[in-house]
Amino acid sequence: MAEFLGIHKLDPSTTEQDAVNGFNVYKEAALKMGLKPQHAHFSIEKGFAYCLTEATSAEEVRKAHEGAVALEDVVEIKTIT
């Protein structure tokens, strides 16, 4: 599986709880599809959120976001440790 970063622009009215709830809805959908959602990072102040998911394609990640959380883009990434 590859790693994909979901990029989200947050509405100015988004709260921290909204971000948590949105990721949880996405996570449930992704798990049902056999994907491996890892975690999310967000900044209410800057208006962005990023989620990391292991999947076989960006299209799978896009599909898991449908009906869960608005998505700007999905990019395949590599991790340096």
PDB file of N, CA and C in Angstrom:
ATOM      1  N   MET A   1       0.835  -1.182   0.000  1.00  0.00           N
ATOM      2  CA  MET A   1       0.000   0.000   0.000  1.00  0.00           C
ATOM      3  C   MET A   1       0.882   1.248   0.000  1.00  0.00           C
ATOM      4  N   ALA A   2       0.383   2.271  -0.615  1.00  0.00           N
ATOM      5  CA  ALA A   2       1.071   3.558  -0.647  1.00  0.00           C
ATOM      6  C   ALA A   2       0.447   4.490   0.385  1.00  0.00           C
ATOM      7  N   GLU A   3       1.106   5.618   0.639  1.00  0.00           N
ATOM      8  CA  GLU A   3       0.585   6.621   1.558  1.00  0.00           C
ATOM      9  C   GLU A   3       0.040   7.805   0.758  1.00  0.00           C
ATOM     10  N   PHE A   4      -1.116   8.297   1.183  1.00  0.00           N
ATOM     11  CA  PHE A   4      -1.758   9.421   0.509  1.00  0.00           C
ATOM     12  C   PHE A   4      -2.122  10.483   1.528  1.00  0.00           C
ATOM     13  N   LEU A   5      -1.899  11.737   1.138  1.00  0.00           N
ATOM     14  CA  LEU A   5      -2.241  12.869   1.973  1.00  0.00           C
ATOM     15  C   LEU A   5      -3.485  13.530   1.409  1.00  0.00           C
ATOM     16  N   GLY A   6      -4.538  13.568   2.220  1.00  0.00           N
ATOM     17  CA  GLY A   6      -5.749  14.290   1.852  1.00  0.00           C
ATOM     18  C   GLY A   6      -5.604  15.729   2.316  1.00  0.00           C
ATOM     19  N   ILE A   7      -5.888  16.666   1.421  1.00  0.00           N
ATOM     20  CA  ILE A   7      -5.734  18.089   1.722  1.00  0.00           C
ATOM     21  C   ILE A   7      -7.122  18.716   1.768  1.00  0.00           C
ATOM     22  N   HIS A   8      -7.397  19.417   2.855  1.00  0.00           N
ATOM     23  CA  HIS A   8      -8.725  19.988   3.093  1.00  0.00           C
ATOM     24  C   HIS A   8      -8.613  21.463   3.448  1.00  0.00           C
ATOM     25  N   LYS A   9      -9.451  22.299   2.842  1.00  0.00           N
ATOM     26  CA  LYS A   9      -9.597  23.691   3.273  1.00  0.00           C
ATOM     27  C   LYS A   9     -10.777  23.720   4.232  1.00  0.00           C
ATOM     28  N   LEU A  10     -10.565  24.326   5.374  1.00  0.00           N
ATOM     29  CA  LEU A  10     -11.627  24.395   6.374  1.00  0.00           C
ATOM     30  C   LEU A  10     -12.440  25.673   6.206  1.00  0.00           C
ATOM     31  N   ASP A  11     -13.728  25.539   6.373  1.00  0.00           N
ATOM     32  CA  ASP A  11     -14.613  26.688   6.394  1.00  0.00           C
ATOM     33  C   ASP A  11     -14.244  27.546   7.606  1.00  0.00           C
ATOM     34  N   PRO A  12     -14.324  28.864   7.503  1.00  0.00           N
ATOM     35  CA  PRO A  12     -13.968  29.720   8.645  1.00  0.00           C
ATOM     36  C   PRO A  12     -14.773  29.438   9.915  1.00  0.00           C
ATOM     37  N   SER A  13     -15.942  28.851   9.779  1.00  0.00           N
ATOM     38  CA  SER A  13     -16.762  28.557  10.957  1.00  0.00           C
ATOM     39  C   SER A  13     -16.438  27.188  11.580  1.00  0.00           C
ATOM     40  N   THR A  14     -15.479  26.448  11.008  1.00  0.00           N
ATOM     41  CA  THR A  14     -15.127  25.128  11.522  1.00  0.00           C
ATOM     42  C   THR A  14     -14.571  25.217  12.938  1.00  0.00           C
ATOM     43  N   THR A  15     -15.061  24.340  13.793  1.00  0.00           N
ATOM     44  CA  THR A  15     -14.542  24.240  15.166  1.00  0.00           C
ATOM     45  C   THR A  15     -13.616  23.034  15.266  1.00  0.00           C
ATOM     46  N   GLU A  16     -12.889  22.959  16.366  1.00  0.00           N
ATOM     47  CA  GLU A  16     -12.029  21.798  16.593  1.00  0.00           C
ATOM     48  C   GLU A  16     -12.869  20.520  16.612  1.00  0.00           C
ATOM     49  N   GLN A  17     -14.032  20.575  17.241  1.00  0.00           N
ATOM     50  CA  GLN A  17     -14.902  19.395  17.299  1.00  0.00           C
ATOM     51  C   GLN A  17     -15.386  19.009  15.905  1.00  0.00           C
ATOM     52  N   ASP A  18     -15.663  19.990  15.048  1.00  0.00           N
ATOM     53  CA  ASP A  18     -16.049  19.702  13.657  1.00  0.00           C
ATOM     54  C   ASP A  18     -14.940  18.927  12.950  1.00  0.00           C
ATOM     55  N   ALA A  19     -13.690  19.346  13.162  1.00  0.00           N
ATOM     56  CA  ALA A  19     -12.547  18.677  12.529  1.00  0.00           C
ATOM     57  C   ALA A  19     -12.435  17.233  13.017  1.00  0.00           C
ATOM     58  N   VAL A  20     -12.585  17.039  14.316  1.00  0.00           N
ATOM     59  CA  VAL A  20     -12.517  15.688  14.890  1.00  0.00           C
ATOM     60  C   VAL A  20     -13.654  14.827  14.342  1.00  0.00           C
ATOM     61  N   ASN A  21     -14.857  15.367  14.340  1.00  0.00           N
ATOM     62  CA  ASN A  21     -16.010  14.611  13.841  1.00  0.00           C
ATOM     63  C   ASN A  21     -15.844  14.263  12.363  1.00  0.00           C
ATOM     64  N   GLY A  22     -15.368  15.213  11.566  1.00  0.00           N
ATOM     65  CA  GLY A  22     -15.164  14.966  10.146  1.00  0.00           C
ATOM     66  C   GLY A  22     -14.176  13.844   9.896  1.00  0.00           C
ATOM     67  N   PHE A  23     -13.061  13.855  10.651  1.00  0.00           N
ATOM     68  CA  PHE A  23     -12.079  12.784  10.479  1.00  0.00           C
ATOM     69  C   PHE A  23     -12.665  11.443  10.896  1.00  0.00           C
ATOM     70  N   ASN A  24     -13.442  11.422  11.958  1.00  0.00           N
ATOM     71  CA  ASN A  24     -14.045  10.163  12.406  1.00  0.00           C
ATOM     72  C   ASN A  24     -15.018   9.599  11.370  1.00  0.00           C
ATOM     73  N   VAL A  25     -15.802  10.455  10.726  1.00  0.00           N
ATOM     74  CA  VAL A  25     -16.714  10.000   9.672  1.00  0.00           C
ATOM     75  C   VAL A  25     -15.907   9.454   8.494  1.00  0.00           C
ATOM     76  N   TYR A  26     -14.858  10.180   8.110  1.00  0.00           N
ATOM     77  CA  TYR A  26     -13.989   9.714   7.020  1.00  0.00           C
ATOM     78  C   TYR A  26     -13.348   8.378   7.389  1.00  0.00           C
ATOM     79  N   LYS A  27     -12.830   8.296   8.610  1.00  0.00           N
ATOM     80  CA  LYS A  27     -12.134   7.088   9.051  1.00  0.00           C
ATOM     81  C   LYS A  27     -13.044   5.859   8.955  1.00  0.00           C
ATOM     82  N   GLU A  28     -14.282   6.007   9.374  1.00  0.00           N
ATOM     83  CA  GLU A  28     -15.236   4.902   9.309  1.00  0.00           C
ATOM     84  C   GLU A  28     -15.460   4.456   7.857  1.00  0.00           C
ATOM     85  N   ALA A  29     -15.645   5.425   6.962  1.00  0.00           N
ATOM     86  CA  ALA A  29     -15.851   5.100   5.545  1.00  0.00           C
ATOM     87  C   ALA A  29     -14.616   4.428   4.950  1.00  0.00           C
ATOM     88  N   ALA A  30     -13.440   4.947   5.289  1.00  0.00           N
ATOM     89  CA  ALA A  30     -12.194   4.390   4.761  1.00  0.00           C
ATOM     90  C   ALA A  30     -11.980   2.955   5.243  1.00  0.00           C
ATOM     91  N   LEU A  31     -12.228   2.707   6.512  1.00  0.00           N
ATOM     92  CA  LEU A  31     -12.056   1.355   7.059  1.00  0.00           C
ATOM     93  C   LEU A  31     -12.999   0.362   6.383  1.00  0.00           C
ATOM     94  N   LYS A  32     -14.230   0.792   6.097  1.00  0.00           N
ATOM     95  CA  LYS A  32     -15.188  -0.081   5.413  1.00  0.00           C
ATOM     96  C   LYS A  32     -14.698  -0.464   4.020  1.00  0.00           C
ATOM     97  N   MET A  33     -13.883   0.402   3.420  1.00  0.00           N
ATOM     98  CA  MET A  33     -13.345   0.144   2.082  1.00  0.00           C
ATOM     99  C   MET A  33     -12.026  -0.631   2.129  1.00  0.00           C
ATOM    100  N   GLY A  34     -11.542  -0.944   3.328  1.00  0.00           N
ATOM    101  CA  GLY A  34     -10.288  -1.678   3.455  1.00  0.00           C
ATOM    102  C   GLY A  34      -9.054  -0.787   3.433  1.00  0.00           C
ATOM    103  N   LEU A  35      -9.250   0.529   3.553  1.00  0.00           N
ATOM    104  CA  LEU A  35      -8.125   1.456   3.611  1.00  0.00           C
ATOM    105  C   LEU A  35      -7.639   1.557   5.050  1.00  0.00           C
ATOM    106  N   LYS A  36      -6.480   2.169   5.230  1.00  0.00           N
ATOM    107  CA  LYS A  36      -5.910   2.313   6.570  1.00  0.00           C
ATOM    108  C   LYS A  36      -5.695   3.793   6.893  1.00  0.00           C
ATOM    109  N   PRO A  37      -6.746   4.466   7.387  1.00  0.00           N
ATOM    110  CA  PRO A  37      -6.569   5.859   7.791  1.00  0.00           C
ATOM    111  C   PRO A  37      -5.646   5.911   9.008  1.00  0.00           C
ATOM    112  N   GLN A  38      -4.648   6.784   8.971  1.00  0.00           N
ATOM    113  CA  GLN A  38      -3.649   6.835  10.041  1.00  0.00           C
ATOM    114  C   GLN A  38      -3.943   7.923  11.063  1.00  0.00           C
ATOM    115  N   HIS A  39      -3.969   9.158  10.615  1.00  0.00           N
ATOM    116  CA  HIS A  39      -4.209  10.285  11.516  1.00  0.00           C
ATOM    117  C   HIS A  39      -4.448  11.541  10.683  1.00  0.00           C
ATOM    118  N   ALA A  40      -4.804  12.604  11.377  1.00  0.00           N
ATOM    119  CA  ALA A  40      -5.025  13.885  10.707  1.00  0.00           C
ATOM    120  C   ALA A  40      -4.342  14.989  11.501  1.00  0.00           C
ATOM    121  N   HIS A  41      -3.957  16.032  10.794  1.00  0.00           N
ATOM    122  CA  HIS A  41      -3.408  17.245  11.396  1.00  0.00           C
ATOM    123  C   HIS A  41      -4.266  18.392  10.906  1.00  0.00           C
ATOM    124  N   PHE A  42      -4.510  19.375  11.762  1.00  0.00           N
ATOM    125  CA  PHE A  42      -5.305  20.512  11.307  1.00  0.00           C
ATOM    126  C   PHE A  42      -4.904  21.771  12.044  1.00  0.00           C
ATOM    127  N   SER A  43      -5.184  22.899  11.402  1.00  0.00           N
ATOM    128  CA  SER A  43      -4.992  24.209  12.006  1.00  0.00           C
ATOM    129  C   SER A  43      -6.241  25.023  11.732  1.00  0.00           C
ATOM    130  N   ILE A  44      -7.029  25.239  12.761  1.00  0.00           N
ATOM    131  CA  ILE A  44      -8.220  26.069  12.617  1.00  0.00           C
ATOM    132  C   ILE A  44      -7.777  27.474  12.204  1.00  0.00           C
ATOM    133  N   GLU A  45      -6.709  27.964  12.827  1.00  0.00           N
ATOM    134  CA  GLU A  45      -6.195  29.308  12.545  1.00  0.00           C
ATOM    135  C   GLU A  45      -5.835  29.489  11.072  1.00  0.00           C
ATOM    136  N   LYS A  46      -5.180  28.520  10.474  1.00  0.00           N
ATOM    137  CA  LYS A  46      -4.758  28.613   9.072  1.00  0.00           C
ATOM    138  C   LYS A  46      -5.818  28.091   8.107  1.00  0.00           C
ATOM    139  N   GLY A  47      -6.812  27.353   8.623  1.00  0.00           N
ATOM    140  CA  GLY A  47      -7.906  26.891   7.781  1.00  0.00           C
ATOM    141  C   GLY A  47      -7.604  25.686   6.910  1.00  0.00           C
ATOM    142  N   PHE A  48      -6.687  24.834   7.368  1.00  0.00           N
ATOM    143  CA  PHE A  48      -6.348  23.639   6.608  1.00  0.00           C
ATOM    144  C   PHE A  48      -6.333  22.408   7.498  1.00  0.00           C
ATOM    145  N   ALA A  49      -6.611  21.266   6.880  1.00  0.00           N
ATOM    146  CA  ALA A  49      -6.480  19.969   7.550  1.00  0.00           C
ATOM    147  C   ALA A  49      -5.846  19.002   6.568  1.00  0.00           C
ATOM    148  N   TYR A  50      -5.110  18.047   7.092  1.00  0.00           N
ATOM    149  CA  TYR A  50      -4.422  17.047   6.280  1.00  0.00           C
ATOM    150  C   TYR A  50      -4.630  15.690   6.944  1.00  0.00           C
ATOM    151  N   CYS A  51      -5.007  14.699   6.151  1.00  0.00           N
ATOM    152  CA  CYS A  51      -5.154  13.355   6.708  1.00  0.00           C
ATOM    153  C   CYS A  51      -4.255  12.396   5.945  1.00  0.00           C
ATOM    154  N   LEU A  52      -3.721  11.434   6.654  1.00  0.00           N
ATOM    155  CA  LEU A  52      -2.825  10.445   6.068  1.00  0.00           C
ATOM    156  C   LEU A  52      -3.533   9.099   6.029  1.00  0.00           C
ATOM    157  N   THR A  53      -3.507   8.467   4.853  1.00  0.00           N
ATOM    158  CA  THR A  53      -4.181   7.187   4.667  1.00  0.00           C
ATOM    159  C   THR A  53      -3.305   6.259   3.844  1.00  0.00           C
ATOM    160  N   GLU A  54      -3.248   4.999   4.238  1.00  0.00           N
ATOM    161  CA  GLU A  54      -2.615   3.974   3.410  1.00  0.00           C
ATOM    162  C   GLU A  54      -3.695   3.377   2.513  1.00  0.00           C
ATOM    163  N   ALA A  55      -3.408   3.336   1.214  1.00  0.00           N
ATOM    164  CA  ALA A  55      -4.368   2.819   0.233  1.00  0.00           C
ATOM    165  C   ALA A  55      -3.599   2.394  -1.012  1.00  0.00           C
ATOM    166  N   THR A  56      -4.299   1.757  -1.933  1.00  0.00           N
ATOM    167  CA  THR A  56      -3.641   1.359  -3.176  1.00  0.00           C
ATOM    168  C   THR A  56      -3.745   2.421  -4.253  1.00  0.00           C
ATOM    169  N   SER A  57      -4.669   3.406  -4.083  1.00  0.00           N
ATOM    170  CA  SER A  57      -4.777   4.462  -5.094  1.00  0.00           C
ATOM    171  C   SER A  57      -5.377   5.735  -4.490  1.00  0.00           C
ATOM    172  N   ALA A  58      -5.069   6.838  -5.139  1.00  0.00           N
ATOM    173  CA  ALA A  58      -5.649   8.118  -4.728  1.00  0.00           C
ATOM    174  C   ALA A  58      -7.155   8.100  -4.938  1.00  0.00           C
ATOM    175  N   GLU A  59      -7.609   7.402  -5.965  1.00  0.00           N
ATOM    176  CA  GLU A  59      -9.046   7.346  -6.242  1.00  0.00           C
ATOM    177  C   GLU A  59      -9.808   6.693  -5.100  1.00  0.00           C
ATOM    178  N   GLU A  60      -9.232   5.677  -4.476  1.00  0.00           N
ATOM    179  CA  GLU A  60      -9.870   5.058  -3.304  1.00  0.00           C
ATOM    180  C   GLU A  60     -10.025   6.074  -2.173  1.00  0.00           C
ATOM    181  N   VAL A  61      -8.999   6.867  -1.954  1.00  0.00           N
ATOM    182  CA  VAL A  61      -9.037   7.870  -0.891  1.00  0.00           C
ATOM    183  C   VAL A  61     -10.105   8.916  -1.210  1.00  0.00           C
ATOM    184  N   ARG A  62     -10.166   9.341  -2.466  1.00  0.00           N
ATOM    185  CA  ARG A  62     -11.203  10.298  -2.872  1.00  0.00           C
ATOM    186  C   ARG A  62     -12.598   9.730  -2.617  1.00  0.00           C
ATOM    187  N   LYS A  63     -12.792   8.482  -2.993  1.00  0.00           N
ATOM    188  CA  LYS A  63     -14.106   7.857  -2.822  1.00  0.00           C
ATOM    189  C   LYS A  63     -14.489   7.770  -1.343  1.00  0.00           C
ATOM    190  N   ALA A  64     -13.548   7.459  -0.479  1.00  0.00           N
ATOM    191  CA  ALA A  64     -13.827   7.361   0.955  1.00  0.00           C
ATOM    192  C   ALA A  64     -14.220   8.716   1.544  1.00  0.00           C
ATOM    193  N   HIS A  65     -13.744   9.803   0.948  1.00  0.00           N
ATOM    194  CA  HIS A  65     -14.080  11.138   1.436  1.00  0.00           C
ATOM    195  C   HIS A  65     -15.486  11.572   1.026  1.00  0.00           C
ATOM    196  N   GLU A  66     -16.046  10.967  -0.017  1.00  0.00           N
ATOM    197  CA  GLU A  66     -17.369  11.368  -0.505  1.00  0.00           C
ATOM    198  C   GLU A  66     -18.398  11.248   0.610  1.00  0.00           C
ATOM    199  N   GLY A  67     -19.118  12.312   0.863  1.00  0.00           N
ATOM    200  CA  GLY A  67     -20.138  12.312   1.898  1.00  0.00           C
ATOM    201  C   GLY A  67     -19.595  12.430   3.310  1.00  0.00           C
ATOM    202  N   ALA A  68     -18.282  12.514   3.455  1.00  0.00           N
ATOM    203  CA  ALA A  68     -17.693  12.600   4.790  1.00  0.00           C
ATOM    204  C   ALA A  68     -17.118  13.988   5.055  1.00  0.00           C
ATOM    205  N   VAL A  69     -16.178  14.386   4.223  1.00  0.00           N
ATOM    206  CA  VAL A  69     -15.435  15.631   4.428  1.00  0.00           C
ATOM    207  C   VAL A  69     -15.087  16.217   3.069  1.00  0.00           C
ATOM    208  N   ALA A  70     -15.221  17.534   2.928  1.00  0.00           N
ATOM    209  CA  ALA A  70     -14.831  18.189   1.674  1.00  0.00           C
ATOM    210  C   ALA A  70     -13.332  18.010   1.449  1.00  0.00           C
ATOM    211  N   LEU A  71     -12.964  17.739   0.218  1.00  0.00           N
ATOM    212  CA  LEU A  71     -11.586  17.395  -0.126  1.00  0.00           C
ATOM    213  C   LEU A  71     -11.092  18.303  -1.241  1.00  0.00           C
ATOM    214  N   GLU A  72      -9.935  18.919  -1.035  1.00  0.00           N
ATOM    215  CA  GLU A  72      -9.321  19.757  -2.075  1.00  0.00           C
ATOM    216  C   GLU A  72      -8.499  18.910  -3.037  1.00  0.00           C
ATOM    217  N   ASP A  73      -7.691  18.011  -2.482  1.00  0.00           N
ATOM    218  CA  ASP A  73      -6.800  17.214  -3.315  1.00  0.00           C
ATOM    219  C   ASP A  73      -6.309  16.001  -2.537  1.00  0.00           C
ATOM    220  N   VAL A  74      -5.787  15.033  -3.274  1.00  0.00           N
ATOM    221  CA  VAL A  74      -5.137  13.860  -2.683  1.00  0.00           C
ATOM    222  C   VAL A  74      -3.817  13.688  -3.407  1.00  0.00           C
ATOM    223  N   VAL A  75      -2.725  13.565  -2.663  1.00  0.00           N
ATOM    224  CA  VAL A  75      -1.422  13.367  -3.274  1.00  0.00           C
ATOM    225  C   VAL A  75      -0.723  12.163  -2.647  1.00  0.00           C
ATOM    226  N   GLU A  76      -0.066  11.378  -3.491  1.00  0.00           N
ATOM    227  CA  GLU A  76       0.733  10.276  -2.971  1.00  0.00           C
ATOM    228  C   GLU A  76       2.000  10.863  -2.390  1.00  0.00           C
ATOM    229  N   ILE A  77       2.371  10.386  -1.207  1.00  0.00           N
ATOM    230  CA  ILE A  77       3.551  10.914  -0.535  1.00  0.00           C
ATOM    231  C   ILE A  77       4.483   9.778  -0.121  1.00  0.00           C
ATOM    232  N   LYS A  78       5.694  10.130   0.169  1.00  0.00           N
ATOM    233  CA  LYS A  78       6.690   9.212   0.725  1.00  0.00           C
ATOM    234  C   LYS A  78       7.090   9.758   2.092  1.00  0.00           C
ATOM    235  N   THR A  79       7.400   8.877   3.012  1.00  0.00           N
ATOM    236  CA  THR A  79       7.793   9.270   4.359  1.00  0.00           C
ATOM    237  C   THR A  79       9.292   9.067   4.547  1.00  0.00           C
ATOM    238  N   ILE A  80       9.933  10.052   5.108  1.00  0.00           N
ATOM    239  CA  ILE A  80      11.352   9.965   5.452  1.00  0.00           C
ATOM    240  C   ILE A  80      11.423   9.772   6.961  1.00  0.00           C
ATOM    241  N   THR A  81      12.126   8.745   7.392  1.00  0.00           N
ATOM    242  CA  THR A  81      12.282   8.522   8.836  1.00  0.00           C
ATOM    243  C   THR A  81      13.726   8.555   9.235  1.00  0.00           C
TER     244      THR A  81
END
